[in-house]
């Protein structure tokens, strides 16, 4: 009877065939595209959006638009910072597990993950007390990457740039 029921159910297909998706581990080095900054990141299928460790955040206006200037910890010298600037796409309110909510700026960030250049929304938050400076969520992973929960550091960022 179960076999008959199984045969009667429609097949569910993923958006992309698994063989066309890159398979990476839960911890990978990712590059902030066009910056040459390589950070160790957690690829987290349980998180909807990506987040980046951003310190000393300062919003400002440029050409009538809201921008943000922030620092990331230099991966080659943990006592140094690298300053980045990006336009603010929007601000979101995130409800934390404790029930508290927190407002975070969202920027469009392009990462090189394995051999994939993927652009997506990224929240800026102080992740200093967390193990990884970047968390890559489903918004960046979907249709590009499958995550092997038993693997780490499977691919270096290599998106064809001269400096990666």
C-alpha atoms as a PDB file:
ATOM      1  CA  UNK A   1       0.000   0.000   0.000  1.00  0.00           C
ATOM      2  CA  UNK A   2       2.807   2.432   0.835  1.00  0.00           C
ATOM      3  CA  UNK A   3       4.452   1.719  -2.506  1.00  0.00           C
ATOM      4  CA  UNK A   4       1.203   2.525  -4.302  1.00  0.00           C
ATOM      5  CA  UNK A   5       0.861   5.776  -2.340  1.00  0.00           C
ATOM      6  CA  UNK A   6       4.467   6.728  -3.086  1.00  0.00           C
ATOM      7  CA  UNK A   7       3.944   6.131  -6.801  1.00  0.00           C
ATOM      8  CA  UNK A   8       0.796   8.269  -6.791  1.00  0.00           C
ATOM      9  CA  UNK A   9       2.511  11.319  -5.270  1.00  0.00           C
ATOM     10  CA  UNK A  10       4.002  13.883  -7.644  1.00  0.00           C
ATOM     11  CA  UNK A  11       7.772  14.183  -7.719  1.00  0.00           C
ATOM     12  CA  UNK A  12       9.196  17.303  -6.110  1.00  0.00           C
ATOM     13  CA  UNK A  13      12.161  18.797  -7.936  1.00  0.00           C
ATOM     14  CA  UNK A  14      14.689  21.306  -6.681  1.00  0.00           C
ATOM     15  CA  UNK A  15      15.049  24.542  -8.619  1.00  0.00           C
ATOM     16  CA  UNK A  16      18.466  23.456  -9.828  1.00  0.00           C
ATOM     17  CA  UNK A  17      19.755  19.953 -10.376  1.00  0.00           C
ATOM     18  CA  UNK A  18      22.084  19.068  -7.472  1.00  0.00           C
ATOM     19  CA  UNK A  19      24.907  18.249  -9.901  1.00  0.00           C
ATOM     20  CA  UNK A  20      24.867  21.844 -11.169  1.00  0.00           C
ATOM     21  CA  UNK A  21      25.325  23.306  -7.680  1.00  0.00           C
ATOM     22  CA  UNK A  22      28.688  23.741  -5.957  1.00  0.00           C
ATOM     23  CA  UNK A  23      29.090  21.576  -2.843  1.00  0.00           C
ATOM     24  CA  UNK A  24      30.908  23.353  -0.016  1.00  0.00           C
ATOM     25  CA  UNK A  25      31.357  22.785   3.696  1.00  0.00           C
ATOM     26  CA  UNK A  26      29.821  24.536   6.664  1.00  0.00           C
ATOM     27  CA  UNK A  27      32.984  26.615   7.174  1.00  0.00           C
ATOM     28  CA  UNK A  28      34.636  28.170   4.119  1.00  0.00           C
ATOM     29  CA  UNK A  29      36.842  31.100   3.232  1.00  0.00           C
ATOM     30  CA  UNK A  30      34.852  33.706   1.325  1.00  0.00           C
ATOM     31  CA  UNK A  31      36.086  36.824  -0.413  1.00  0.00           C
ATOM     32  CA  UNK A  32      34.379  40.193  -0.342  1.00  0.00           C
ATOM     33  CA  UNK A  33      34.299  40.673  -4.104  1.00  0.00           C
ATOM     34  CA  UNK A  34      36.303  43.563  -5.533  1.00  0.00           C
ATOM     35  CA  UNK A  35      37.966  44.145  -2.151  1.00  0.00           C
ATOM     36  CA  UNK A  36      40.335  41.166  -1.965  1.00  0.00           C
ATOM     37  CA  UNK A  37      39.356  40.595   1.681  1.00  0.00           C
ATOM     38  CA  UNK A  38      39.111  36.891   2.504  1.00  0.00           C
ATOM     39  CA  UNK A  39      37.193  35.999   5.672  1.00  0.00           C
ATOM     40  CA  UNK A  40      36.420  32.683   7.301  1.00  0.00           C
ATOM     41  CA  UNK A  41      32.633  32.279   7.159  1.00  0.00           C
ATOM     42  CA  UNK A  42      29.956  29.911   8.370  1.00  0.00           C
ATOM     43  CA  UNK A  43      27.597  28.727   5.626  1.00  0.00           C
ATOM     44  CA  UNK A  44      24.325  28.435   7.518  1.00  0.00           C
ATOM     45  CA  UNK A  45      21.240  26.991   5.836  1.00  0.00           C
ATOM     46  CA  UNK A  46      19.263  27.799   8.996  1.00  0.00           C
ATOM     47  CA  UNK A  47      19.759  31.532   8.532  1.00  0.00           C
ATOM     48  CA  UNK A  48      17.673  33.403   5.984  1.00  0.00           C
ATOM     49  CA  UNK A  49      20.046  36.296   5.431  1.00  0.00           C
ATOM     50  CA  UNK A  50      23.773  36.785   5.552  1.00  0.00           C
ATOM     51  CA  UNK A  51      25.496  38.966   8.122  1.00  0.00           C
ATOM     52  CA  UNK A  52      28.897  40.581   8.287  1.00  0.00           C
ATOM     53  CA  UNK A  53      30.924  41.709  11.295  1.00  0.00           C
ATOM     54  CA  UNK A  54      30.787  45.490  11.033  1.00  0.00           C
ATOM     55  CA  UNK A  55      32.401  47.738  13.614  1.00  0.00           C
ATOM     56  CA  UNK A  56      32.420  51.514  13.991  1.00  0.00           C
ATOM     57  CA  UNK A  57      29.320  51.874  11.812  1.00  0.00           C
ATOM     58  CA  UNK A  58      28.641  55.437  10.679  1.00  0.00           C
ATOM     59  CA  UNK A  59      25.757  56.404   8.401  1.00  0.00           C
ATOM     60  CA  UNK A  60      26.159  59.363   6.071  1.00  0.00           C
ATOM     61  CA  UNK A  61      24.573  60.846   2.976  1.00  0.00           C
ATOM     62  CA  UNK A  62      26.104  60.672  -0.494  1.00  0.00           C
ATOM     63  CA  UNK A  63      24.346  62.063  -3.575  1.00  0.00           C
ATOM     64  CA  UNK A  64      21.052  62.179  -1.682  1.00  0.00           C
ATOM     65  CA  UNK A  65      21.235  58.503  -0.625  1.00  0.00           C
ATOM     66  CA  UNK A  66      21.922  56.892   2.742  1.00  0.00           C
ATOM     67  CA  UNK A  67      25.324  55.192   2.927  1.00  0.00           C
ATOM     68  CA  UNK A  68      27.214  53.471   5.708  1.00  0.00           C
ATOM     69  CA  UNK A  69      30.909  53.378   6.522  1.00  0.00           C
ATOM     70  CA  UNK A  70      32.091  50.464   8.660  1.00  0.00           C
ATOM     71  CA  UNK A  71      35.191  48.530   9.610  1.00  0.00           C
ATOM     72  CA  UNK A  72      35.934  44.837   9.254  1.00  0.00           C
ATOM     73  CA  UNK A  73      38.762  43.195  11.148  1.00  0.00           C
ATOM     74  CA  UNK A  74      41.755  42.709   8.882  1.00  0.00           C
ATOM     75  CA  UNK A  75      42.080  38.918   8.474  1.00  0.00           C
ATOM     76  CA  UNK A  76      45.881  39.303   8.279  1.00  0.00           C
ATOM     77  CA  UNK A  77      46.149  41.417  11.465  1.00  0.00           C
ATOM     78  CA  UNK A  78      43.400  41.101  14.086  1.00  0.00           C
ATOM     79  CA  UNK A  79      44.478  44.437  15.627  1.00  0.00           C
ATOM     80  CA  UNK A  80      43.865  46.346  12.368  1.00  0.00           C
ATOM     81  CA  UNK A  81      40.699  47.338  10.533  1.00  0.00           C
ATOM     82  CA  UNK A  82      39.722  47.728   6.893  1.00  0.00           C
ATOM     83  CA  UNK A  83      37.152  50.442   6.206  1.00  0.00           C
ATOM     84  CA  UNK A  84      34.390  49.814   3.667  1.00  0.00           C
ATOM     85  CA  UNK A  85      31.524  51.967   2.406  1.00  0.00           C
ATOM     86  CA  UNK A  86      28.256  50.793   0.856  1.00  0.00           C
ATOM     87  CA  UNK A  87      24.817  52.263   0.127  1.00  0.00           C
ATOM     88  CA  UNK A  88      22.158  51.240   2.657  1.00  0.00           C
ATOM     89  CA  UNK A  89      19.419  49.236   0.935  1.00  0.00           C
ATOM     90  CA  UNK A  90      17.097  49.358   3.944  1.00  0.00           C
ATOM     91  CA  UNK A  91      17.012  48.864   7.700  1.00  0.00           C
ATOM     92  CA  UNK A  92      15.462  45.753   9.246  1.00  0.00           C
ATOM     93  CA  UNK A  93      14.313  44.889  12.730  1.00  0.00           C
ATOM     94  CA  UNK A  94      15.592  41.470  13.812  1.00  0.00           C
ATOM     95  CA  UNK A  95      13.947  39.688  16.735  1.00  0.00           C
ATOM     96  CA  UNK A  96      16.557  37.786  18.689  1.00  0.00           C
ATOM     97  CA  UNK A  97      16.041  34.487  20.526  1.00  0.00           C
ATOM     98  CA  UNK A  98      15.903  36.416  23.806  1.00  0.00           C
ATOM     99  CA  UNK A  99      12.825  38.272  22.510  1.00  0.00           C
ATOM    100  CA  UNK A 100      14.688  41.571  22.151  1.00  0.00           C
ATOM    101  CA  UNK A 101      14.630  43.253  18.777  1.00  0.00           C
ATOM    102  CA  UNK A 102      17.501  44.995  17.106  1.00  0.00           C
ATOM    103  CA  UNK A 103      17.653  47.296  14.082  1.00  0.00           C
ATOM    104  CA  UNK A 104      20.301  46.466  11.500  1.00  0.00           C
ATOM    105  CA  UNK A 105      21.327  48.169   8.267  1.00  0.00           C
ATOM    106  CA  UNK A 106      21.165  46.008   5.128  1.00  0.00           C
ATOM    107  CA  UNK A 107      23.656  46.419   2.295  1.00  0.00           C
ATOM    108  CA  UNK A 108      24.074  44.639  -1.023  1.00  0.00           C
ATOM    109  CA  UNK A 109      27.247  42.553  -0.726  1.00  0.00           C
ATOM    110  CA  UNK A 110      28.899  40.412  -3.363  1.00  0.00           C
ATOM    111  CA  UNK A 111      30.899  37.434  -2.131  1.00  0.00           C
ATOM    112  CA  UNK A 112      33.117  34.982  -3.966  1.00  0.00           C
ATOM    113  CA  UNK A 113      32.296  31.606  -2.411  1.00  0.00           C
ATOM    114  CA  UNK A 114      34.214  28.741  -4.015  1.00  0.00           C
ATOM    115  CA  UNK A 115      33.984  29.627  -7.713  1.00  0.00           C
ATOM    116  CA  UNK A 116      30.619  31.398  -7.336  1.00  0.00           C
ATOM    117  CA  UNK A 117      30.194  35.192  -7.349  1.00  0.00           C
ATOM    118  CA  UNK A 118      26.959  35.794  -5.481  1.00  0.00           C
ATOM    119  CA  UNK A 119      25.369  39.148  -4.694  1.00  0.00           C
ATOM    120  CA  UNK A 120      22.733  39.474  -1.986  1.00  0.00           C
ATOM    121  CA  UNK A 121      21.431  41.401   0.984  1.00  0.00           C
ATOM    122  CA  UNK A 122      23.691  41.340   4.025  1.00  0.00           C
ATOM    123  CA  UNK A 123      22.978  42.732   7.478  1.00  0.00           C
ATOM    124  CA  UNK A 124      25.722  44.562   9.343  1.00  0.00           C
ATOM    125  CA  UNK A 125      26.143  43.561  12.981  1.00  0.00           C
ATOM    126  CA  UNK A 126      28.913  43.380  15.567  1.00  0.00           C
ATOM    127  CA  UNK A 127      29.949  39.693  15.408  1.00  0.00           C
ATOM    128  CA  UNK A 128      33.173  40.246  17.386  1.00  0.00           C
ATOM    129  CA  UNK A 129      32.120  37.782  20.104  1.00  0.00           C
ATOM    130  CA  UNK A 130      31.217  35.142  17.500  1.00  0.00           C
ATOM    131  CA  UNK A 131      33.681  32.731  15.916  1.00  0.00           C
ATOM    132  CA  UNK A 132      33.250  33.852  12.292  1.00  0.00           C
ATOM    133  CA  UNK A 133      33.242  37.369  10.846  1.00  0.00           C
ATOM    134  CA  UNK A 134      30.690  36.387   8.211  1.00  0.00           C
ATOM    135  CA  UNK A 135      27.614  34.207   8.186  1.00  0.00           C
ATOM    136  CA  UNK A 136      26.335  33.245   4.745  1.00  0.00           C
ATOM    137  CA  UNK A 137      22.609  32.493   4.780  1.00  0.00           C
ATOM    138  CA  UNK A 138      20.118  30.973   2.367  1.00  0.00           C
ATOM    139  CA  UNK A 139      19.695  34.220   0.411  1.00  0.00           C
ATOM    140  CA  UNK A 140      23.281  33.835  -0.869  1.00  0.00           C
ATOM    141  CA  UNK A 141      23.297  30.022  -1.026  1.00  0.00           C
ATOM    142  CA  UNK A 142      20.014  29.321  -2.845  1.00  0.00           C
ATOM    143  CA  UNK A 143      20.390  28.126  -6.446  1.00  0.00           C
ATOM    144  CA  UNK A 144      24.205  28.237  -6.144  1.00  0.00           C
ATOM    145  CA  UNK A 145      25.548  26.106  -3.299  1.00  0.00           C
ATOM    146  CA  UNK A 146      24.726  22.906  -1.440  1.00  0.00           C
ATOM    147  CA  UNK A 147      26.211  22.651   2.047  1.00  0.00           C
ATOM    148  CA  UNK A 148      27.843  19.389   3.145  1.00  0.00           C
ATOM    149  CA  UNK A 149      27.364  19.425   6.917  1.00  0.00           C
ATOM    150  CA  UNK A 150      30.362  17.136   7.434  1.00  0.00           C
ATOM    151  CA  UNK A 151      32.886  19.204   5.471  1.00  0.00           C
ATOM    152  CA  UNK A 152      34.918  22.348   6.094  1.00  0.00           C
ATOM    153  CA  UNK A 153      37.362  24.368   4.003  1.00  0.00           C
ATOM    154  CA  UNK A 154      36.672  22.484   0.775  1.00  0.00           C
ATOM    155  CA  UNK A 155      37.336  25.350  -1.681  1.00  0.00           C
ATOM    156  CA  UNK A 156      39.273  28.597  -1.603  1.00  0.00           C
ATOM    157  CA  UNK A 157      37.553  31.592  -3.193  1.00  0.00           C
ATOM    158  CA  UNK A 158      38.398  31.530  -6.901  1.00  0.00           C
ATOM    159  CA  UNK A 159      36.137  33.653  -9.053  1.00  0.00           C
ATOM    160  CA  UNK A 160      38.659  34.350 -11.788  1.00  0.00           C
ATOM    161  CA  UNK A 161      39.925  37.637 -10.350  1.00  0.00           C
ATOM    162  CA  UNK A 162      43.649  38.248 -10.604  1.00  0.00           C
ATOM    163  CA  UNK A 163      43.999  38.917  -6.859  1.00  0.00           C
ATOM    164  CA  UNK A 164      41.927  36.020  -5.473  1.00  0.00           C
END
